[in-house]
Amino acid sequence: MPRRHTAWLVWGVGVTAYFVAVVYRTSLGVAWLDATARFGIGASALSTCMITQVMLYAVLQIPAGLLVDRYGPRRVLCAGILLLCAGQLCFAFATTFPAALAARAVLGTGDAMAFVSVLRLGASWFPGRRNPLIVQLTAQIGMAGSLVCTEVLSWMLFRAGWTPTFAVSALAGLGMLGVVLLFVRDNPEPVVRPGRAARLPVPAQLRAAWAEPGTRMGMWVHFTCQFPGMSFLLLWGLPFLVLGQGLSRPAASGLLSLEVIGNMAFGLLFGQLVSQRQGIRTPLVLTVILGTGASWVVVLSWPGGRVPMALLVVFVFLLGSNAAACLVGLEYARPVNPPERTGTALGIVNMGGFSATALTTLGIGVVLDWWTPDGAGYSLPAFRAAFCVLFVPMFLGLRQILRLRRLAARREAEIRGAP
């Protein structure tokens, strides 16, 4: 098989595994109402369950990147699939909140290994000029897993119930492990890995990656762009639309699907733009951040509270630009780090957005419970107050991006101009 075809096959299998990881990751979002009834918990406890999963994902990005650099993406991806399936299967049979929390922790650990592994496969099998598009395609195909969640899993939960839905999805993921073992290779050509003596110690590897302004810039871009749309999609979008805006559950699920579609559309656009012109990265990122902030202000301050459906459609579609823009952060880190440090640098960048997502998801849940101490249904004023939490990390991240943008640009120009 020609190398070009092999590259697409290897990447395609890897991205399918990431698709499965996203299905598992976002499954709690569509099961929000079912989970509160099954485990007898409120918003803060449920957000803690999601926080545990997402925070583990964030914290483990750097270890996952180090593992990919040392052992290769194929091994790390296989280990991640095993943990994902184990976590999803345990979640299927969990009947108490501590058991559910432990299951999501296992799932989050496996999830942490998937994305960095697939990114490294793309960097190894495709030329650098195509990497921005490959990264966006990876994310968009993977995020189609969210579409499966909002449509298929939501339907299965209604028809089959909790345990059959999550158990079947877990067993289906095991088949993916065999496909990865059969078709995925780390590199186009056999590569002799450096011995232990030739490897940088872990602290030195981390310091070298963090010392690059492009790595730090990429992390703050990922931090600032991802969380407004991700926290909405993963957990709080469905209850806000159902309880706060009075939509039916099918209508709310349809709107969440629209965010995924927007993500895919913006991802393809941003990937093409950044592949053709690297200088467009920062203006694009700043446009998304400011546009997202403005759209949240409009929705949260709408007179009377109930936002017209047409505006909700536009708002949710535009939220899809967040996940696409956060991936641009990877394109600040990749050009300034050598191949043997790529996984570590990408892990640092990817940590940013998921840390922000974890903190804001928890913050929203805490404010909701504080605003509704009697445990009754969450009101629109409670949701409006809770979503104001989003503006704190948005301001912090924007400030850091503006501070680092010139330093990162100068360093990248130095590396590109080096003989």
Protein backbone atom coordinates (compact mmCIF):
# COMPACT_ATOMS: atom_id res chain seq x y z
CA MET A 1 0.00 0.00 0.00
CA PRO A 2 1.42 3.47 -0.86
CA ARG A 3 2.64 5.45 2.13
CA ARG A 4 -0.01 8.15 1.57
CA HIS A 5 -2.80 5.58 1.79
CA THR A 6 -1.18 3.94 4.82
CA ALA A 7 -0.98 7.31 6.56
CA TRP A 8 -4.71 7.86 6.11
CA LEU A 9 -5.45 4.32 7.30
CA VAL A 10 -3.34 4.64 10.46
CA TRP A 11 -4.72 8.08 11.25
CA GLY A 12 -8.26 6.95 10.46
CA VAL A 13 -8.08 4.06 12.92
CA GLY A 14 -6.58 6.34 15.57
CA VAL A 15 -9.23 9.01 15.12
CA THR A 16 -11.98 6.38 15.32
CA ALA A 17 -10.60 5.37 18.71
CA TYR A 18 -10.73 9.02 19.73
CA PHE A 19 -14.34 9.13 18.49
CA VAL A 20 -15.17 6.34 20.95
CA ALA A 21 -13.39 8.25 23.74
CA VAL A 22 -15.53 11.33 23.09
CA VAL A 23 -18.71 9.25 23.16
CA TYR A 24 -17.76 8.00 26.61
CA ARG A 25 -16.59 11.43 27.78
CA THR A 26 -19.80 13.25 26.89
CA SER A 27 -22.24 10.48 27.84
CA LEU A 28 -22.90 12.02 31.25
CA GLY A 29 -24.12 15.24 29.64
CA VAL A 30 -27.15 13.58 28.01
CA ALA A 31 -27.77 11.46 31.13
CA TRP A 32 -27.86 14.47 33.48
CA LEU A 33 -31.50 14.15 34.51
CA ASP A 34 -31.27 10.34 34.72
CA ALA A 35 -28.12 10.55 36.88
CA THR A 36 -29.67 12.92 39.44
CA ALA A 37 -32.56 10.48 39.90
CA ARG A 38 -30.41 7.30 39.90
CA PHE A 39 -27.87 8.53 42.44
CA GLY A 40 -30.08 10.97 44.38
CA ILE A 41 -27.69 13.90 43.96
CA GLY A 42 -27.89 17.61 43.20
CA ALA A 43 -26.08 19.91 40.80
CA SER A 44 -22.91 20.31 42.87
CA ALA A 45 -22.46 16.56 43.33
CA LEU A 46 -23.15 15.85 39.67
CA SER A 47 -20.73 18.54 38.58
CA THR A 48 -18.17 16.96 40.94
CA CYS A 49 -18.56 13.72 39.00
CA MET A 50 -17.88 15.52 35.75
CA ILE A 51 -15.13 17.57 37.37
CA THR A 52 -13.32 14.43 38.51
CA GLN A 53 -13.33 13.07 34.98
CA VAL A 54 -12.35 16.32 33.28
CA MET A 55 -9.78 17.34 35.91
CA LEU A 56 -8.10 13.95 35.67
CA TYR A 57 -8.04 14.40 31.90
CA ALA A 58 -6.37 17.80 32.35
CA VAL A 59 -3.85 16.73 34.99
CA LEU A 60 -2.88 13.60 33.06
CA GLN A 61 -2.22 15.39 29.77
CA ILE A 62 1.42 15.99 30.66
CA PRO A 63 2.07 12.41 31.85
CA ALA A 64 0.26 11.14 28.75
CA GLY A 65 2.47 13.30 26.54
CA LEU A 66 5.59 12.02 28.29
CA LEU A 67 4.42 8.43 27.83
CA VAL A 68 3.76 9.02 24.12
CA ASP A 69 7.26 10.50 23.68
CA ARG A 70 8.84 7.49 25.41
CA TYR A 71 6.72 4.49 24.42
CA GLY A 72 4.95 5.59 21.26
CA PRO A 73 1.32 6.49 20.57
CA ARG A 74 0.20 2.94 19.72
CA ARG A 75 0.91 1.49 23.17
CA VAL A 76 -0.50 4.51 24.98
CA LEU A 77 -3.66 4.51 22.85
CA CYS A 78 -4.27 0.80 23.55
CA ALA A 79 -3.89 1.36 27.29
CA GLY A 80 -6.30 4.28 27.06
CA ILE A 81 -8.95 2.20 25.28
CA LEU A 82 -8.80 -0.48 27.98
CA LEU A 83 -9.31 2.10 30.73
CA LEU A 84 -12.13 3.81 28.82
CA CYS A 85 -14.05 0.57 28.42
CA ALA A 86 -13.49 -0.41 32.05
CA GLY A 87 -14.71 2.95 33.28
CA GLN A 88 -17.80 2.93 31.07
CA LEU A 89 -18.69 -0.62 32.10
CA CYS A 90 -18.36 0.19 35.80
CA PHE A 91 -20.50 3.29 35.28
CA ALA A 92 -23.20 1.10 33.74
CA PHE A 93 -23.56 -0.92 36.94
CA ALA A 94 -22.92 1.86 39.47
CA THR A 95 -25.85 2.42 41.82
CA THR A 96 -24.21 4.83 44.29
CA PHE A 97 -22.55 8.16 43.77
CA PRO A 98 -19.08 7.06 45.04
CA ALA A 99 -19.12 4.14 42.59
CA ALA A 100 -20.11 6.47 39.74
CA LEU A 101 -17.34 8.88 40.75
CA ALA A 102 -14.74 6.10 40.70
CA ALA A 103 -15.96 4.89 37.29
CA ARG A 104 -15.71 8.37 35.77
CA ALA A 105 -12.21 8.70 37.22
CA VAL A 106 -11.09 5.52 35.45
CA LEU A 107 -12.77 6.73 32.27
CA GLY A 108 -11.08 10.14 32.51
CA THR A 109 -7.69 8.47 32.87
CA GLY A 110 -8.20 6.49 29.66
CA ASP A 111 -9.58 9.52 27.87
CA ALA A 112 -6.43 11.48 28.73
CA MET A 113 -4.31 9.05 26.71
CA ALA A 114 -6.35 9.10 23.51
CA PHE A 115 -6.13 12.61 22.04
CA VAL A 116 -2.39 13.18 22.51
CA SER A 117 -1.70 9.73 21.01
CA VAL A 118 -3.73 10.49 17.89
CA LEU A 119 -2.15 13.95 17.54
CA ARG A 120 1.29 12.33 17.63
CA LEU A 121 0.23 9.82 14.96
CA GLY A 122 -0.84 12.72 12.74
CA ALA A 123 2.44 14.57 13.30
CA SER A 124 4.45 11.42 12.48
CA TRP A 125 2.55 10.34 9.37
CA PHE A 126 1.76 13.69 7.67
CA PRO A 127 3.99 16.62 6.61
CA GLY A 128 4.10 19.65 8.90
CA ARG A 129 2.30 21.99 6.51
CA ARG A 130 -0.79 19.78 6.67
CA ASN A 131 -0.77 19.41 10.44
CA PRO A 132 -3.24 22.23 11.26
CA LEU A 133 -5.85 20.62 9.01
CA ILE A 134 -5.13 17.11 10.33
CA VAL A 135 -5.48 18.36 13.92
CA GLN A 136 -8.84 19.97 13.15
CA LEU A 137 -10.06 16.88 11.30
CA THR A 138 -9.00 14.74 14.25
CA ALA A 139 -10.96 16.88 16.67
CA GLN A 140 -14.02 17.27 14.46
CA ILE A 141 -14.36 13.57 13.66
CA GLY A 142 -13.80 12.80 17.31
CA MET A 143 -16.35 15.39 18.38
CA ALA A 144 -18.90 13.69 16.18
CA GLY A 145 -18.95 11.35 19.15
CA SER A 146 -20.86 14.12 20.93
CA LEU A 147 -23.43 13.93 18.16
CA VAL A 148 -23.80 10.21 18.78
CA CYS A 149 -24.30 10.96 22.47
CA THR A 150 -26.95 13.61 22.03
CA GLU A 151 -28.91 11.56 19.53
CA VAL A 152 -28.20 7.82 19.85
CA LEU A 153 -27.40 7.52 23.56
CA SER A 154 -30.26 9.83 24.47
CA TRP A 155 -32.62 7.56 22.49
CA MET A 156 -31.10 4.40 24.04
CA LEU A 157 -31.45 5.79 27.56
CA PHE A 158 -35.12 6.46 26.92
CA ARG A 159 -35.75 3.04 25.35
CA ALA A 160 -33.42 0.62 27.15
CA GLY A 161 -32.52 2.32 30.40
CA TRP A 162 -29.26 3.11 32.18
CA THR A 163 -27.39 -0.19 32.53
CA PRO A 164 -28.00 -1.66 29.03
CA THR A 165 -27.11 1.66 27.38
CA PHE A 166 -23.73 2.13 29.08
CA ALA A 167 -22.84 -1.59 29.11
CA VAL A 168 -23.41 -2.02 25.37
CA SER A 169 -21.37 1.09 24.58
CA ALA A 170 -18.51 -0.20 26.76
CA LEU A 171 -18.42 -3.61 25.08
CA ALA A 172 -18.51 -2.02 21.63
CA GLY A 173 -15.36 -0.08 22.54
CA LEU A 174 -13.40 -3.28 23.14
CA GLY A 175 -13.65 -4.10 19.44
CA MET A 176 -11.77 -0.88 18.75
CA LEU A 177 -8.77 -2.22 20.66
CA GLY A 178 -8.30 -5.08 18.21
CA VAL A 179 -8.48 -2.72 15.24
CA VAL A 180 -5.81 -0.46 16.74
CA LEU A 181 -3.51 -3.42 17.42
CA LEU A 182 -3.98 -4.65 13.86
CA PHE A 183 -3.50 -1.45 11.85
CA VAL A 184 -1.71 1.26 13.86
CA ARG A 185 2.06 1.82 13.73
CA ASP A 186 3.90 4.65 15.43
CA ASN A 187 5.88 5.87 12.42
CA PRO A 188 6.08 5.35 8.64
CA GLU A 189 9.54 3.82 9.00
CA PRO A 190 10.94 1.72 11.86
CA VAL A 191 12.50 4.03 14.42
CA VAL A 192 15.08 3.00 16.99
CA ARG A 193 14.06 4.58 20.26
CA PRO A 194 16.84 6.23 22.27
CA GLY A 195 18.16 4.30 25.23
CA ARG A 196 17.54 5.45 28.77
CA ALA A 197 20.86 7.28 28.89
CA ALA A 198 19.95 9.33 25.80
CA ARG A 199 16.57 10.42 27.15
CA LEU A 200 16.09 13.69 28.95
CA PRO A 201 14.94 13.26 32.56
CA VAL A 202 11.25 14.04 33.00
CA PRO A 203 11.81 17.36 34.83
CA ALA A 204 14.23 18.52 32.13
CA GLN A 205 11.77 17.48 29.40
CA LEU A 206 9.02 19.49 31.07
CA ARG A 207 11.23 22.54 31.65
CA ALA A 208 12.38 22.53 28.03
CA ALA A 209 8.80 22.39 26.73
CA TRP A 210 7.53 25.05 29.15
CA ALA A 211 10.47 27.36 28.39
CA GLU A 212 9.17 27.83 24.87
CA PRO A 213 6.83 30.87 24.74
CA GLY A 214 4.84 29.09 22.03
CA THR A 215 3.99 26.27 24.46
CA ARG A 216 2.72 28.74 27.06
CA MET A 217 0.85 30.76 24.43
CA GLY A 218 -0.78 27.61 23.12
CA MET A 219 -1.84 26.56 26.61
CA TRP A 220 -3.55 29.92 27.28
CA VAL A 221 -5.26 29.87 23.89
CA HIS A 222 -6.58 26.39 24.66
CA PHE A 223 -7.55 27.51 28.19
CA THR A 224 -9.51 30.55 27.03
CA CYS A 225 -11.23 29.19 23.94
CA GLN A 226 -12.42 25.76 25.02
CA PHE A 227 -14.34 26.05 28.27
CA PRO A 228 -17.35 28.27 27.34
CA GLY A 229 -18.62 25.77 24.78
CA MET A 230 -17.34 22.61 26.47
CA SER A 231 -18.95 23.23 29.86
CA PHE A 232 -22.22 23.96 28.05
CA LEU A 233 -22.01 20.80 25.94
CA LEU A 234 -20.69 18.41 28.59
CA LEU A 235 -23.12 19.18 31.39
CA TRP A 236 -24.98 22.46 31.75
CA GLY A 237 -26.43 23.06 28.27
CA LEU A 238 -29.24 20.52 28.52
CA PRO A 239 -30.54 21.62 31.96
CA PHE A 240 -30.26 25.30 30.98
CA LEU A 241 -32.27 24.78 27.82
CA VAL A 242 -34.88 22.52 29.48
CA LEU A 243 -35.28 24.16 32.89
CA GLY A 244 -34.15 27.69 32.10
CA GLN A 245 -35.52 28.20 28.60
CA GLY A 246 -38.53 25.86 28.74
CA LEU A 247 -37.56 23.68 25.79
CA SER A 248 -38.50 20.04 25.51
CA ARG A 249 -35.72 17.52 26.00
CA PRO A 250 -35.65 16.49 22.31
CA ALA A 251 -35.46 20.17 21.27
CA ALA A 252 -32.64 20.81 23.73
CA SER A 253 -30.73 17.73 22.50
CA GLY A 254 -31.15 18.99 18.96
CA LEU A 255 -29.61 22.33 19.89
CA LEU A 256 -26.67 20.60 21.53
CA SER A 257 -26.20 18.65 18.30
CA LEU A 258 -26.06 22.01 16.53
CA GLU A 259 -23.08 23.00 18.66
CA VAL A 260 -21.26 19.87 17.49
CA ILE A 261 -22.14 20.66 13.87
CA GLY A 262 -20.88 24.22 14.35
CA ASN A 263 -17.69 22.83 15.85
CA MET A 264 -17.11 20.66 12.78
CA ALA A 265 -17.86 23.48 10.34
CA PHE A 266 -15.61 25.99 12.12
CA GLY A 267 -12.92 23.34 12.53
CA LEU A 268 -12.66 22.70 8.80
CA LEU A 269 -12.59 26.45 8.13
CA PHE A 270 -9.96 27.20 10.76
CA GLY A 271 -7.81 24.25 9.70
CA GLN A 272 -7.71 25.45 6.10
CA LEU A 273 -6.99 29.06 7.11
CA VAL A 274 -4.16 28.22 9.52
CA SER A 275 -2.62 25.71 7.07
CA GLN A 276 -2.41 28.41 4.43
CA ARG A 277 -1.42 31.34 6.65
CA GLN A 278 0.11 30.97 10.10
CA GLY A 279 -0.18 34.69 10.79
CA ILE A 280 -3.96 34.42 11.03
CA ARG A 281 -3.82 32.39 14.26
CA THR A 282 -3.91 35.21 16.81
CA PRO A 283 -6.53 37.42 15.06
CA LEU A 284 -8.73 34.34 14.66
CA VAL A 285 -8.38 33.37 18.32
CA LEU A 286 -9.11 36.88 19.58
CA THR A 287 -12.18 37.13 17.34
CA VAL A 288 -13.59 33.90 18.77
CA ILE A 289 -12.93 34.93 22.39
CA LEU A 290 -14.51 38.38 22.04
CA GLY A 291 -17.42 37.02 19.98
CA THR A 292 -18.09 34.30 22.56
CA GLY A 293 -18.07 36.78 25.42
CA ALA A 294 -20.45 39.10 23.58
CA SER A 295 -22.87 36.28 22.74
CA TRP A 296 -23.02 35.16 26.37
CA VAL A 297 -23.76 38.74 27.45
CA VAL A 298 -26.66 38.93 24.99
CA VAL A 299 -28.18 35.59 26.07
CA LEU A 300 -27.82 36.17 29.80
CA SER A 301 -29.16 39.73 29.69
CA TRP A 302 -32.05 39.13 27.28
CA PRO A 303 -35.15 41.04 28.47
CA GLY A 304 -37.66 38.71 30.07
CA GLY A 305 -35.10 35.88 30.21
CA ARG A 306 -36.61 33.54 27.61
CA VAL A 307 -34.42 33.89 24.52
CA PRO A 308 -36.10 33.55 21.08
CA MET A 309 -35.41 30.22 19.41
CA ALA A 310 -33.73 31.85 16.40
CA LEU A 311 -31.22 33.56 18.69
CA LEU A 312 -30.62 30.35 20.63
CA VAL A 313 -29.86 28.56 17.36
CA VAL A 314 -27.29 31.21 16.39
CA PHE A 315 -25.82 31.26 19.91
CA VAL A 316 -25.37 27.49 20.16
CA PHE A 317 -23.96 27.26 16.64
CA LEU A 318 -21.39 29.96 17.45
CA LEU A 319 -20.38 28.09 20.60
CA GLY A 320 -19.10 25.45 18.20
CA SER A 321 -16.28 27.84 17.23
CA ASN A 322 -14.79 27.51 20.73
CA ALA A 323 -13.54 23.94 20.37
CA ALA A 324 -12.20 24.68 16.89
CA ALA A 325 -10.33 27.79 18.06
CA CYS A 326 -8.78 26.09 21.09
CA LEU A 327 -7.02 23.64 18.76
CA VAL A 328 -5.22 26.55 17.14
CA GLY A 329 -3.27 26.63 20.41
CA LEU A 330 -1.54 23.42 19.37
CA GLU A 331 -0.12 25.26 16.36
CA TYR A 332 1.80 27.64 18.62
CA ALA A 333 3.52 24.76 20.43
CA ARG A 334 4.24 22.32 17.61
CA PRO A 335 6.62 24.46 15.47
CA VAL A 336 8.88 25.39 18.40
CA ASN A 337 9.33 21.93 19.94
CA PRO A 338 11.41 19.11 18.38
CA PRO A 339 9.72 15.77 17.57
CA GLU A 340 11.04 14.03 20.67
CA ARG A 341 9.30 16.67 22.81
CA THR A 342 6.09 17.04 20.80
CA GLY A 343 3.91 14.83 22.99
CA THR A 344 4.97 16.65 26.15
CA ALA A 345 4.35 20.09 24.66
CA LEU A 346 0.95 19.09 23.25
CA GLY A 347 0.03 17.63 26.64
CA ILE A 348 0.80 20.97 28.31
CA VAL A 349 -1.33 22.84 25.78
CA ASN A 350 -4.22 20.39 26.00
CA MET A 351 -4.17 20.63 29.79
CA GLY A 352 -5.18 24.30 29.62
CA GLY A 353 -8.69 24.05 28.23
CA PHE A 354 -9.73 21.06 30.28
CA SER A 355 -8.51 22.69 33.50
CA ALA A 356 -10.66 25.71 32.73
CA THR A 357 -13.59 23.46 31.80
CA ALA A 358 -13.33 21.57 35.08
CA LEU A 359 -13.19 24.71 37.20
CA THR A 360 -16.04 26.51 35.45
CA THR A 361 -18.25 23.41 35.40
CA LEU A 362 -17.81 23.10 39.15
CA GLY A 363 -18.31 26.83 39.68
CA ILE A 364 -21.60 26.80 37.76
CA GLY A 365 -22.88 23.89 39.86
CA VAL A 366 -21.90 25.58 43.13
CA VAL A 367 -23.67 28.83 42.19
CA LEU A 368 -26.78 26.92 41.08
CA ASP A 369 -27.00 25.11 44.41
CA TRP A 370 -26.28 28.29 46.36
CA TRP A 371 -29.02 30.12 44.45
CA THR A 372 -31.47 27.24 44.99
CA PRO A 373 -30.83 26.03 48.58
CA ASP A 374 -34.17 24.21 48.89
CA GLY A 375 -33.25 21.77 46.10
CA ALA A 376 -36.22 22.74 43.94
CA GLY A 377 -35.92 22.98 40.18
CA TYR A 378 -33.28 25.44 39.04
CA SER A 379 -34.76 28.71 37.86
CA LEU A 380 -33.75 30.98 35.01
CA PRO A 381 -32.31 33.62 37.40
CA ALA A 382 -30.18 30.86 38.97
CA PHE A 383 -28.81 29.87 35.57
CA ARG A 384 -28.12 33.49 34.65
CA ALA A 385 -26.15 34.03 37.84
CA ALA A 386 -24.30 30.73 37.49
CA PHE A 387 -23.17 31.29 33.91
CA CYS A 388 -21.55 34.59 34.92
CA VAL A 389 -18.77 32.34 36.30
CA LEU A 390 -17.59 31.97 32.68
CA PHE A 391 -16.35 35.55 32.45
CA VAL A 392 -13.65 35.16 35.14
CA PRO A 393 -11.39 32.63 33.34
CA MET A 394 -12.23 34.28 30.02
CA PHE A 395 -10.74 37.57 31.23
CA LEU A 396 -7.72 35.84 32.78
CA GLY A 397 -6.93 33.89 29.63
CA LEU A 398 -7.36 36.88 27.33
CA ARG A 399 -4.93 38.87 29.45
CA GLN A 400 -2.27 36.14 29.20
CA ILE A 401 -2.71 35.78 25.43
CA LEU A 402 -2.20 39.51 24.92
CA ARG A 403 0.89 39.39 27.14
CA LEU A 404 2.54 36.44 25.35
CA ARG A 405 1.61 36.96 21.71
CA ARG A 406 4.64 39.06 20.66
CA LEU A 407 7.15 36.96 22.61
CA ALA A 408 5.82 33.75 21.03
CA ALA A 409 5.90 35.28 17.54
CA ARG A 410 9.53 36.41 17.95
CA ARG A 411 10.66 32.99 19.16
CA GLU A 412 8.92 31.19 16.31
CA ALA A 413 10.52 33.55 13.79
CA GLU A 414 13.95 32.79 15.30
CA ILE A 415 13.42 29.04 14.93
CA ARG A 416 12.09 29.30 11.39
CA GLY A 417 15.06 31.49 10.44
CA ALA A 418 17.67 29.22 12.01
CA PRO A 419 19.90 27.32 9.52
